[in-house]
Amino acid sequence: MISMVIPTRNRAHTLRLVAPSYFTQALVTEIVFVSDEGDDDSEAVLTAIAAAHPGVQMKFKRNAQRLGASQSRNVGVQACSNDFVLFCDDDEFLEADYARICLDKLQQSGAGAVSGRRVYMELGETTADALRRFGHGLRDTMPFRPVLCEYVNGARFQGDRRQPITNAIILTWRALLLQYPFDGEYARGNGYREESDYQMNLFVHGHDIWVTNACHSMHLPMAQVRTGGQRTQTWRRIYWSIYYTHYFFGKYYAAYAARLQLRTPRWLAVAAFAVFSVYRELLRPPLHAVAMALLRRRRARQDTVVA
């Protein structure tokens, strides 16, 4: 059986939307929500949802002081009673059977952790709309960038894929979580790399990480997510992304590069990531907006011709 752990902080407004999809997951018998010194009505919202699903035990933990998402995950793991733990963010839906499919993949592969694909919903979309739009990905590019140590969420690929890290919505073994707990250092700023740290810890110790197209999580549109690390100022996001990548590479880069036979020195990999971080935050959004506008214009012309 599977336990779920969801760190949260003052996200009753998103949990009200997404949490019902957790309680209907096959094989999930308990769900642990860890409120990081939150003071909204999340507990009342979740208690009401749990009442409609008596077959799933709901536990609500509240940190007495702010610990950050990483330590909140560790708190949740300590409260779990099952051998397998599925993590989810408090602003994401889970597709039906997400937990069961990941467990099948985990046991068949012997991996350390497995995730499905993550789909970022657009405003006004249903989850079904978002899944149809995403398909097996949105663009033809490398699914993983070794020098940057970046998983490319929207990359197009089919089937299952093994790589050093995946997204945050992973199923893993509780025994591994106790052996390699989340690092509480990622408690400030946007907490960048906090989920990747656990996965990389597994990877450099010989465990495989898999991502599968067989199931999906669906992230709410950003307009519906009023708080969180991605709501900070742009330059703060850039700073903390580079800061934490420097820390992350300091811990793992030598062993990571050795396993991948990567010859790029660590200092150059950090410098490359810094350049990429500035591009991602400052240049890519307007370029993406222009590309989408051109695509919509092309589709409109095609529709006119067909009509």
C-alpha atoms as a PDB file:
ATOM      1  CA  MET A   1       0.000   0.000   0.000  1.00  0.00           C
ATOM      2  CA  ILE A   2       0.956   3.627  -0.549  1.00  0.00           C
ATOM      3  CA  SER A   3       1.122   6.697   1.677  1.00  0.00           C
ATOM      4  CA  MET A   4       0.999  10.198   0.214  1.00  0.00           C
ATOM      5  CA  VAL A   5       2.868  13.209   1.615  1.00  0.00           C
ATOM      6  CA  ILE A   6       1.901  16.769   0.642  1.00  0.00           C
ATOM      7  CA  PRO A   7       3.770  19.750   2.130  1.00  0.00           C
ATOM      8  CA  THR A   8       1.655  22.884   2.128  1.00  0.00           C
ATOM      9  CA  ARG A   9       1.437  26.406   3.467  1.00  0.00           C
ATOM     10  CA  ASN A  10      -1.722  28.520   3.318  1.00  0.00           C
ATOM     11  CA  ARG A  11      -2.977  26.858   0.155  1.00  0.00           C
ATOM     12  CA  ALA A  12      -6.546  26.014   1.145  1.00  0.00           C
ATOM     13  CA  HIS A  13      -7.688  27.638  -2.107  1.00  0.00           C
ATOM     14  CA  THR A  14      -5.697  25.173  -4.238  1.00  0.00           C
ATOM     15  CA  LEU A  15      -6.180  22.136  -2.002  1.00  0.00           C
ATOM     16  CA  ARG A  16      -9.941  22.561  -2.295  1.00  0.00           C
ATOM     17  CA  LEU A  17      -9.548  21.965  -6.042  1.00  0.00           C
ATOM     18  CA  VAL A  18      -6.850  19.288  -6.259  1.00  0.00           C
ATOM     19  CA  ALA A  19      -7.012  17.228  -3.051  1.00  0.00           C
ATOM     20  CA  PRO A  20     -10.064  15.142  -4.087  1.00  0.00           C
ATOM     21  CA  SER A  21      -7.874  13.571  -6.790  1.00  0.00           C
ATOM     22  CA  TYR A  22      -5.545  12.251  -4.068  1.00  0.00           C
ATOM     23  CA  PHE A  23      -8.252  10.495  -2.079  1.00  0.00           C
ATOM     24  CA  THR A  24      -9.427   8.496  -5.104  1.00  0.00           C
ATOM     25  CA  GLN A  25      -5.998   7.016  -5.956  1.00  0.00           C
ATOM     26  CA  ALA A  26      -5.998   3.216  -5.993  1.00  0.00           C
ATOM     27  CA  LEU A  27      -3.699   1.644  -3.348  1.00  0.00           C
ATOM     28  CA  VAL A  28      -3.379   4.909  -1.370  1.00  0.00           C
ATOM     29  CA  THR A  29      -4.515   4.184   2.188  1.00  0.00           C
ATOM     30  CA  GLU A  30      -3.228   7.271   4.000  1.00  0.00           C
ATOM     31  CA  ILE A  31      -2.458  10.873   3.128  1.00  0.00           C
ATOM     32  CA  VAL A  32      -0.258  13.089   5.293  1.00  0.00           C
ATOM     33  CA  PHE A  33      -0.563  16.848   4.835  1.00  0.00           C
ATOM     34  CA  VAL A  34       2.186  18.875   6.509  1.00  0.00           C
ATOM     35  CA  SER A  35       1.330  22.533   7.027  1.00  0.00           C
ATOM     36  CA  ASP A  36       4.514  24.585   7.329  1.00  0.00           C
ATOM     37  CA  GLU A  37       3.368  26.931  10.106  1.00  0.00           C
ATOM     38  CA  GLY A  38       0.289  27.757   8.038  1.00  0.00           C
ATOM     39  CA  ASP A  39      -2.620  29.678   9.537  1.00  0.00           C
ATOM     40  CA  ASP A  40      -5.423  29.383   6.969  1.00  0.00           C
ATOM     41  CA  ASP A  41      -8.347  26.932   6.937  1.00  0.00           C
ATOM     42  CA  SER A  42      -6.507  24.114   5.115  1.00  0.00           C
ATOM     43  CA  GLU A  43      -7.193  21.607   7.879  1.00  0.00           C
ATOM     44  CA  ALA A  44     -10.953  22.253   7.794  1.00  0.00           C
ATOM     45  CA  VAL A  45     -10.998  22.028   3.990  1.00  0.00           C
ATOM     46  CA  LEU A  46      -9.107  18.724   4.004  1.00  0.00           C
ATOM     47  CA  THR A  47     -11.163  17.264   6.848  1.00  0.00           C
ATOM     48  CA  ALA A  48     -14.324  17.901   4.842  1.00  0.00           C
ATOM     49  CA  ILE A  49     -12.844  16.237   1.745  1.00  0.00           C
ATOM     50  CA  ALA A  50     -11.565  13.271   3.771  1.00  0.00           C
ATOM     51  CA  ALA A  51     -15.031  12.709   5.268  1.00  0.00           C
ATOM     52  CA  ALA A  52     -16.251  11.690   1.811  1.00  0.00           C
ATOM     53  CA  HIS A  53     -13.486   9.050   1.555  1.00  0.00           C
ATOM     54  CA  PRO A  54     -13.568   6.987   4.764  1.00  0.00           C
ATOM     55  CA  GLY A  55     -11.320   4.297   3.271  1.00  0.00           C
ATOM     56  CA  VAL A  56      -8.344   6.683   3.284  1.00  0.00           C
ATOM     57  CA  GLN A  57      -6.835   7.890   6.550  1.00  0.00           C
ATOM     58  CA  MET A  58      -6.002  11.591   6.550  1.00  0.00           C
ATOM     59  CA  LYS A  59      -3.319  12.986   8.853  1.00  0.00           C
ATOM     60  CA  PHE A  60      -2.756  16.717   9.234  1.00  0.00           C
ATOM     61  CA  LYS A  61       0.535  17.859  10.768  1.00  0.00           C
ATOM     62  CA  ARG A  62       1.315  21.496  11.509  1.00  0.00           C
ATOM     63  CA  ASN A  63       4.908  22.629  12.023  1.00  0.00           C
ATOM     64  CA  ALA A  64       5.261  24.840  15.097  1.00  0.00           C
ATOM     65  CA  GLN A  65       7.804  26.931  13.202  1.00  0.00           C
ATOM     66  CA  ARG A  66       8.653  27.443   9.527  1.00  0.00           C
ATOM     67  CA  LEU A  67      10.840  24.561   8.322  1.00  0.00           C
ATOM     68  CA  GLY A  68      10.537  24.730   4.537  1.00  0.00           C
ATOM     69  CA  ALA A  69       9.227  22.152   2.086  1.00  0.00           C
ATOM     70  CA  SER A  70      12.176  19.749   2.419  1.00  0.00           C
ATOM     71  CA  GLN A  71      11.914  19.329   6.178  1.00  0.00           C
ATOM     72  CA  SER A  72       8.119  19.235   5.883  1.00  0.00           C
ATOM     73  CA  ARG A  73       8.517  16.244   3.574  1.00  0.00           C
ATOM     74  CA  ASN A  74      10.685  14.561   6.205  1.00  0.00           C
ATOM     75  CA  VAL A  75       8.031  15.240   8.842  1.00  0.00           C
ATOM     76  CA  GLY A  76       5.448  13.629   6.587  1.00  0.00           C
ATOM     77  CA  VAL A  77       7.613  10.570   5.924  1.00  0.00           C
ATOM     78  CA  GLN A  78       8.016   9.997   9.654  1.00  0.00           C
ATOM     79  CA  ALA A  79       4.217   9.899   9.972  1.00  0.00           C
ATOM     80  CA  CYS A  80       3.759   7.350   7.152  1.00  0.00           C
ATOM     81  CA  SER A  81       3.007   3.696   7.895  1.00  0.00           C
ATOM     82  CA  ASN A  82       3.324   2.189   4.385  1.00  0.00           C
ATOM     83  CA  ASP A  83       6.396   0.952   2.503  1.00  0.00           C
ATOM     84  CA  PHE A  84       5.851   3.288  -0.455  1.00  0.00           C
ATOM     85  CA  VAL A  85       5.488   7.077  -0.402  1.00  0.00           C
ATOM     86  CA  LEU A  86       4.046   9.266  -3.150  1.00  0.00           C
ATOM     87  CA  PHE A  87       4.823  12.982  -2.975  1.00  0.00           C
ATOM     88  CA  CYS A  88       2.583  15.588  -4.507  1.00  0.00           C
ATOM     89  CA  ASP A  89       2.509  19.382  -4.528  1.00  0.00           C
ATOM     90  CA  ASP A  90      -0.511  21.192  -3.159  1.00  0.00           C
ATOM     91  CA  ASP A  91      -1.374  22.801  -6.514  1.00  0.00           C
ATOM     92  CA  GLU A  92      -1.476  19.692  -8.728  1.00  0.00           C
ATOM     93  CA  PHE A  93      -4.160  17.225  -9.728  1.00  0.00           C
ATOM     94  CA  LEU A  94      -3.267  13.562 -10.080  1.00  0.00           C
ATOM     95  CA  GLU A  95      -4.589  11.584 -13.008  1.00  0.00           C
ATOM     96  CA  ALA A  96      -6.622   8.533 -12.007  1.00  0.00           C
ATOM     97  CA  ASP A  97      -4.341   5.550 -11.276  1.00  0.00           C
ATOM     98  CA  TYR A  98      -1.210   7.709 -11.002  1.00  0.00           C
ATOM     99  CA  ALA A  99      -0.144   5.955  -7.796  1.00  0.00           C
ATOM    100  CA  ARG A 100      -0.845   2.415  -9.034  1.00  0.00           C
ATOM    101  CA  ILE A 101       0.949   2.922 -12.350  1.00  0.00           C
ATOM    102  CA  CYS A 102       4.015   4.390 -10.642  1.00  0.00           C
ATOM    103  CA  LEU A 103       4.080   1.493  -8.189  1.00  0.00           C
ATOM    104  CA  ASP A 104       3.963  -1.027 -11.033  1.00  0.00           C
ATOM    105  CA  LYS A 105       6.852   0.760 -12.762  1.00  0.00           C
ATOM    106  CA  LEU A 106       8.836   1.039  -9.529  1.00  0.00           C
ATOM    107  CA  GLN A 107       8.559  -2.649  -8.717  1.00  0.00           C
ATOM    108  CA  GLN A 108       9.150  -3.839 -12.268  1.00  0.00           C
ATOM    109  CA  SER A 109      12.237  -1.669 -12.777  1.00  0.00           C
ATOM    110  CA  GLY A 110      13.733  -1.856  -9.303  1.00  0.00           C
ATOM    111  CA  ALA A 111      14.194   1.918  -9.505  1.00  0.00           C
ATOM    112  CA  GLY A 112      14.681   4.263  -6.594  1.00  0.00           C
ATOM    113  CA  ALA A 113      11.865   6.593  -7.705  1.00  0.00           C
ATOM    114  CA  VAL A 114       9.315   6.924 -10.525  1.00  0.00           C
ATOM    115  CA  SER A 115       7.219   9.857 -11.734  1.00  0.00           C
ATOM    116  CA  GLY A 116       4.636  10.428 -14.419  1.00  0.00           C
ATOM    117  CA  ARG A 117       4.678  13.431 -16.773  1.00  0.00           C
ATOM    118  CA  ARG A 118       3.790  16.868 -15.442  1.00  0.00           C
ATOM    119  CA  VAL A 119       1.340  18.999 -17.444  1.00  0.00           C
ATOM    120  CA  TYR A 120       1.009  22.739 -16.828  1.00  0.00           C
ATOM    121  CA  MET A 121      -2.612  23.684 -17.382  1.00  0.00           C
ATOM    122  CA  GLU A 122      -3.654  26.838 -19.183  1.00  0.00           C
ATOM    123  CA  LEU A 123      -6.353  29.117 -17.819  1.00  0.00           C
ATOM    124  CA  GLY A 124      -9.800  27.823 -18.704  1.00  0.00           C
ATOM    125  CA  GLU A 125      -8.629  24.294 -19.498  1.00  0.00           C
ATOM    126  CA  THR A 126     -10.062  21.156 -17.959  1.00  0.00           C
ATOM    127  CA  THR A 127      -7.655  18.398 -16.972  1.00  0.00           C
ATOM    128  CA  ALA A 128      -8.841  16.432 -20.020  1.00  0.00           C
ATOM    129  CA  ASP A 129      -8.121  19.426 -22.278  1.00  0.00           C
ATOM    130  CA  ALA A 130      -4.636  19.768 -20.802  1.00  0.00           C
ATOM    131  CA  LEU A 131      -3.836  16.080 -21.326  1.00  0.00           C
ATOM    132  CA  ARG A 132      -4.957  16.213 -24.965  1.00  0.00           C
ATOM    133  CA  ARG A 133      -2.862  19.319 -25.616  1.00  0.00           C
ATOM    134  CA  PHE A 134       0.234  17.863 -23.939  1.00  0.00           C
ATOM    135  CA  GLY A 135       0.158  14.428 -25.582  1.00  0.00           C
ATOM    136  CA  HIS A 136       3.668  12.952 -25.213  1.00  0.00           C
ATOM    137  CA  GLY A 137       5.217  16.413 -24.879  1.00  0.00           C
ATOM    138  CA  LEU A 138       5.116  19.822 -26.500  1.00  0.00           C
ATOM    139  CA  ARG A 139       8.453  20.263 -28.244  1.00  0.00           C
ATOM    140  CA  ASP A 140      11.240  18.285 -29.852  1.00  0.00           C
ATOM    141  CA  THR A 141      14.224  18.766 -27.584  1.00  0.00           C
ATOM    142  CA  MET A 142      16.454  16.755 -25.265  1.00  0.00           C
ATOM    143  CA  PRO A 143      14.434  15.520 -22.249  1.00  0.00           C
ATOM    144  CA  PHE A 144      17.451  15.981 -19.998  1.00  0.00           C
ATOM    145  CA  ARG A 145      20.331  18.476 -20.185  1.00  0.00           C
ATOM    146  CA  PRO A 146      23.343  16.868 -18.478  1.00  0.00           C
ATOM    147  CA  VAL A 147      25.576  19.926 -18.016  1.00  0.00           C
ATOM    148  CA  LEU A 148      22.729  21.992 -16.543  1.00  0.00           C
ATOM    149  CA  CYS A 149      21.315  18.960 -14.728  1.00  0.00           C
ATOM    150  CA  GLU A 150      17.858  20.032 -15.874  1.00  0.00           C
ATOM    151  CA  TYR A 151      14.871  17.835 -16.690  1.00  0.00           C
ATOM    152  CA  VAL A 152      12.991  19.420 -19.604  1.00  0.00           C
ATOM    153  CA  ASN A 153       9.375  18.980 -18.612  1.00  0.00           C
ATOM    154  CA  GLY A 154       7.803  19.677 -22.008  1.00  0.00           C
ATOM    155  CA  ALA A 155      10.186  17.565 -24.087  1.00  0.00           C
ATOM    156  CA  ARG A 156       8.486  15.109 -26.418  1.00  0.00           C
ATOM    157  CA  PHE A 157       9.253  11.426 -25.852  1.00  0.00           C
ATOM    158  CA  GLN A 158       7.309   8.174 -25.696  1.00  0.00           C
ATOM    159  CA  GLY A 159       7.172   5.334 -23.203  1.00  0.00           C
ATOM    160  CA  ASP A 160       9.415   5.293 -20.127  1.00  0.00           C
ATOM    161  CA  ARG A 161      12.720   7.050 -19.686  1.00  0.00           C
ATOM    162  CA  ARG A 162      15.573   6.660 -17.186  1.00  0.00           C
ATOM    163  CA  GLN A 163      17.471   9.794 -16.161  1.00  0.00           C
ATOM    164  CA  PRO A 164      19.170  11.345 -13.090  1.00  0.00           C
ATOM    165  CA  ILE A 165      16.206  13.474 -11.971  1.00  0.00           C
ATOM    166  CA  THR A 166      12.556  13.944 -12.875  1.00  0.00           C
ATOM    167  CA  ASN A 167       9.762  16.197 -11.600  1.00  0.00           C
ATOM    168  CA  ALA A 168       8.633  16.433  -7.972  1.00  0.00           C
ATOM    169  CA  ILE A 169       5.638  14.065  -8.140  1.00  0.00           C
ATOM    170  CA  ILE A 170       7.548  10.873  -7.381  1.00  0.00           C
ATOM    171  CA  LEU A 171       6.729   7.512  -5.856  1.00  0.00           C
ATOM    172  CA  THR A 172       9.610   6.078  -3.866  1.00  0.00           C
ATOM    173  CA  TRP A 173      10.464   3.670  -1.060  1.00  0.00           C
ATOM    174  CA  ARG A 174      10.028   4.819   2.546  1.00  0.00           C
ATOM    175  CA  ALA A 175      13.207   2.915   3.457  1.00  0.00           C
ATOM    176  CA  LEU A 176      15.190   5.062   0.998  1.00  0.00           C
ATOM    177  CA  LEU A 177      13.631   8.245   2.382  1.00  0.00           C
ATOM    178  CA  LEU A 178      14.781   7.279   5.862  1.00  0.00           C
ATOM    179  CA  GLN A 179      18.263   6.503   4.537  1.00  0.00           C
ATOM    180  CA  TYR A 180      18.523   9.610   2.314  1.00  0.00           C
ATOM    181  CA  PRO A 181      16.234  12.266   3.843  1.00  0.00           C
ATOM    182  CA  PHE A 182      15.474  15.587   2.171  1.00  0.00           C
ATOM    183  CA  ASP A 183      18.034  18.322   2.829  1.00  0.00           C
ATOM    184  CA  GLY A 184      16.656  21.167   4.943  1.00  0.00           C
ATOM    185  CA  GLU A 185      19.171  23.643   3.492  1.00  0.00           C
ATOM    186  CA  TYR A 186      16.651  24.513   0.750  1.00  0.00           C
ATOM    187  CA  ALA A 187      14.381  26.415   3.145  1.00  0.00           C
ATOM    188  CA  ARG A 188      14.955  29.948   1.905  1.00  0.00           C
ATOM    189  CA  GLY A 189      14.052  31.778  -1.281  1.00  0.00           C
ATOM    190  CA  ASN A 190      12.302  29.611  -3.850  1.00  0.00           C
ATOM    191  CA  GLY A 191      13.714  26.299  -2.557  1.00  0.00           C
ATOM    192  CA  TYR A 192      15.044  25.481  -6.019  1.00  0.00           C
ATOM    193  CA  ARG A 193      16.446  21.915  -6.311  1.00  0.00           C
ATOM    194  CA  GLU A 194      14.871  20.740  -3.042  1.00  0.00           C
ATOM    195  CA  GLU A 195      13.074  17.813  -4.717  1.00  0.00           C
ATOM    196  CA  SER A 196      15.984  17.159  -7.091  1.00  0.00           C
ATOM    197  CA  ASP A 197      18.369  16.848  -4.143  1.00  0.00           C
ATOM    198  CA  TYR A 198      16.708  13.653  -2.903  1.00  0.00           C
ATOM    199  CA  GLN A 199      16.574  12.176  -6.401  1.00  0.00           C
ATOM    200  CA  MET A 200      20.220  13.003  -7.081  1.00  0.00           C
ATOM    201  CA  ASN A 201      21.192  11.494  -3.738  1.00  0.00           C
ATOM    202  CA  LEU A 202      19.580   8.263  -4.938  1.00  0.00           C
ATOM    203  CA  PHE A 203      21.212   8.518  -8.361  1.00  0.00           C
ATOM    204  CA  VAL A 204      24.785   8.983  -7.116  1.00  0.00           C
ATOM    205  CA  HIS A 205      24.263   5.993  -4.811  1.00  0.00           C
ATOM    206  CA  GLY A 206      23.389   3.757  -7.752  1.00  0.00           C
ATOM    207  CA  HIS A 207      19.591   3.981  -7.821  1.00  0.00           C
ATOM    208  CA  ASP A 208      17.761   4.710 -11.086  1.00  0.00           C
ATOM    209  CA  ILE A 209      15.092   7.384 -11.569  1.00  0.00           C
ATOM    210  CA  TRP A 210      12.337   6.796 -14.141  1.00  0.00           C
ATOM    211  CA  VAL A 211       9.690   8.999 -15.741  1.00  0.00           C
ATOM    212  CA  THR A 212       6.749   7.462 -17.603  1.00  0.00           C
ATOM    213  CA  ASN A 213       4.184   8.711 -20.105  1.00  0.00           C
ATOM    214  CA  ALA A 214       1.635   6.292 -18.659  1.00  0.00           C
ATOM    215  CA  CYS A 215       0.314   8.783 -16.065  1.00  0.00           C
ATOM    216  CA  HIS A 216       0.266  12.520 -15.430  1.00  0.00           C
ATOM    217  CA  SER A 217       0.028  15.216 -12.801  1.00  0.00           C
ATOM    218  CA  MET A 218      -1.675  18.453 -13.830  1.00  0.00           C
ATOM    219  CA  HIS A 219      -0.405  21.725 -12.359  1.00  0.00           C
ATOM    220  CA  LEU A 220      -2.997  24.448 -11.850  1.00  0.00           C
ATOM    221  CA  PRO A 221      -2.664  27.564 -14.040  1.00  0.00           C
ATOM    222  CA  MET A 222      -0.408  30.111 -12.347  1.00  0.00           C
ATOM    223  CA  ALA A 223      -3.310  32.572 -12.174  1.00  0.00           C
ATOM    224  CA  GLN A 224      -4.938  30.231  -9.646  1.00  0.00           C
ATOM    225  CA  VAL A 225      -1.808  29.900  -7.480  1.00  0.00           C
ATOM    226  CA  ARG A 226      -1.475  33.075  -5.450  1.00  0.00           C
ATOM    227  CA  THR A 227       1.536  32.193  -3.295  1.00  0.00           C
ATOM    228  CA  GLY A 228       4.759  30.171  -3.475  1.00  0.00           C
ATOM    229  CA  GLY A 229       8.364  30.256  -4.636  1.00  0.00           C
ATOM    230  CA  GLN A 230       7.493  31.027  -8.262  1.00  0.00           C
ATOM    231  CA  ARG A 231       5.569  34.126  -7.125  1.00  0.00           C
ATOM    232  CA  THR A 232       8.735  35.867  -5.917  1.00  0.00           C
ATOM    233  CA  GLN A 233      10.417  38.661  -7.893  1.00  0.00           C
ATOM    234  CA  THR A 234      12.263  37.607 -11.029  1.00  0.00           C
ATOM    235  CA  TRP A 235      15.734  38.583  -9.835  1.00  0.00           C
ATOM    236  CA  ARG A 236      15.161  36.766  -6.543  1.00  0.00           C
ATOM    237  CA  ARG A 237      14.233  33.608  -8.462  1.00  0.00           C
ATOM    238  CA  ILE A 238      17.399  33.938 -10.546  1.00  0.00           C
ATOM    239  CA  TYR A 239      19.551  34.495  -7.452  1.00  0.00           C
ATOM    240  CA  TRP A 240      18.179  31.538  -5.495  1.00  0.00           C
ATOM    241  CA  SER A 241      18.222  29.223  -8.503  1.00  0.00           C
ATOM    242  CA  ILE A 242      21.932  29.910  -9.002  1.00  0.00           C
ATOM    243  CA  TYR A 243      22.654  29.829  -5.259  1.00  0.00           C
ATOM    244  CA  TYR A 244      21.032  26.448  -4.775  1.00  0.00           C
ATOM    245  CA  THR A 245      22.499  24.987  -7.962  1.00  0.00           C
ATOM    246  CA  HIS A 246      25.960  25.955  -6.694  1.00  0.00           C
ATOM    247  CA  TYR A 247      25.172  24.194  -3.405  1.00  0.00           C
ATOM    248  CA  PHE A 248      23.618  21.194  -5.180  1.00  0.00           C
ATOM    249  CA  PHE A 249      26.595  20.746  -7.523  1.00  0.00           C
ATOM    250  CA  GLY A 250      28.952  21.102  -4.587  1.00  0.00           C
ATOM    251  CA  LYS A 251      27.311  18.058  -3.008  1.00  0.00           C
ATOM    252  CA  TYR A 252      26.848  15.823  -6.006  1.00  0.00           C
ATOM    253  CA  TYR A 253      28.608  16.988  -9.170  1.00  0.00           C
ATOM    254  CA  ALA A 254      31.722  14.823  -8.918  1.00  0.00           C
ATOM    255  CA  ALA A 255      29.771  11.578  -8.434  1.00  0.00           C
ATOM    256  CA  TYR A 256      27.050  12.663 -10.888  1.00  0.00           C
ATOM    257  CA  ALA A 257      29.563  13.498 -13.621  1.00  0.00           C
ATOM    258  CA  ALA A 258      31.426  10.246 -13.014  1.00  0.00           C
ATOM    259  CA  ARG A 259      28.258   8.160 -13.422  1.00  0.00           C
ATOM    260  CA  LEU A 260      27.337   9.992 -16.644  1.00  0.00           C
ATOM    261  CA  GLN A 261      30.951  10.151 -17.848  1.00  0.00           C
ATOM    262  CA  LEU A 262      30.481  13.908 -18.118  1.00  0.00           C
ATOM    263  CA  ARG A 263      33.742  15.794 -18.675  1.00  0.00           C
ATOM    264  CA  THR A 264      32.538  19.366 -18.103  1.00  0.00           C
ATOM    265  CA  PRO A 265      34.207  20.776 -14.955  1.00  0.00           C
ATOM    266  CA  ARG A 266      31.927  21.833 -12.119  1.00  0.00           C
ATOM    267  CA  TRP A 267      32.770  25.546 -12.312  1.00  0.00           C
ATOM    268  CA  LEU A 268      31.816  25.623 -15.991  1.00  0.00           C
ATOM    269  CA  ALA A 269      28.574  23.743 -15.347  1.00  0.00           C
ATOM    270  CA  VAL A 270      27.618  26.289 -12.654  1.00  0.00           C
ATOM    271  CA  ALA A 271      28.491  29.179 -15.003  1.00  0.00           C
ATOM    272  CA  ALA A 272      26.424  27.615 -17.805  1.00  0.00           C
ATOM    273  CA  PHE A 273      23.487  27.232 -15.443  1.00  0.00           C
ATOM    274  CA  ALA A 274      23.761  30.882 -14.363  1.00  0.00           C
ATOM    275  CA  VAL A 275      23.520  32.014 -17.992  1.00  0.00           C
ATOM    276  CA  PHE A 276      20.624  29.628 -18.582  1.00  0.00           C
ATOM    277  CA  SER A 277      18.806  30.902 -15.485  1.00  0.00           C
ATOM    278  CA  VAL A 278      18.932  34.503 -16.727  1.00  0.00           C
ATOM    279  CA  TYR A 279      17.741  33.405 -20.184  1.00  0.00           C
ATOM    280  CA  ARG A 280      14.905  31.316 -18.711  1.00  0.00           C
ATOM    281  CA  GLU A 281      13.572  34.108 -16.518  1.00  0.00           C
ATOM    282  CA  LEU A 282      14.163  37.195 -18.692  1.00  0.00           C
ATOM    283  CA  LEU A 283      14.363  36.197 -22.349  1.00  0.00           C
ATOM    284  CA  ARG A 284      12.400  32.993 -22.817  1.00  0.00           C
ATOM    285  CA  PRO A 285       8.973  34.305 -21.631  1.00  0.00           C
ATOM    286  CA  PRO A 286       8.697  37.086 -24.272  1.00  0.00           C
ATOM    287  CA  LEU A 287      10.102  34.814 -26.980  1.00  0.00           C
ATOM    288  CA  HIS A 288       7.556  32.158 -26.029  1.00  0.00           C
ATOM    289  CA  ALA A 289       4.746  34.743 -26.112  1.00  0.00           C
ATOM    290  CA  VAL A 290       5.735  35.805 -29.629  1.00  0.00           C
ATOM    291  CA  ALA A 291       5.920  32.185 -30.797  1.00  0.00           C
ATOM    292  CA  MET A 292       2.473  31.427 -29.364  1.00  0.00           C
ATOM    293  CA  ALA A 293       1.007  34.538 -31.002  1.00  0.00           C
ATOM    294  CA  LEU A 294       2.402  33.475 -34.376  1.00  0.00           C
ATOM    295  CA  LEU A 295       1.062  29.965 -33.875  1.00  0.00           C
ATOM    296  CA  ARG A 296      -2.423  31.269 -33.045  1.00  0.00           C
ATOM    297  CA  ARG A 297      -2.350  33.530 -36.107  1.00  0.00           C
ATOM    298  CA  ARG A 298      -1.344  30.606 -38.337  1.00  0.00           C
ATOM    299  CA  ARG A 299      -4.137  28.437 -36.929  1.00  0.00           C
ATOM    300  CA  ALA A 300      -6.650  31.252 -37.462  1.00  0.00           C
ATOM    301  CA  ARG A 301      -5.603  31.558 -41.132  1.00  0.00           C
ATOM    302  CA  GLN A 302      -5.896  27.786 -41.589  1.00  0.00           C
ATOM    303  CA  ASP A 303      -9.376  27.807 -40.035  1.00  0.00           C
ATOM    304  CA  THR A 304     -10.393  30.619 -42.385  1.00  0.00           C
ATOM    305  CA  VAL A 305      -9.164  28.695 -45.425  1.00  0.00           C
ATOM    306  CA  VAL A 306     -11.027  25.535 -44.325  1.00  0.00           C
ATOM    307  CA  ALA A 307     -14.248  27.515 -43.741  1.00  0.00           C
END
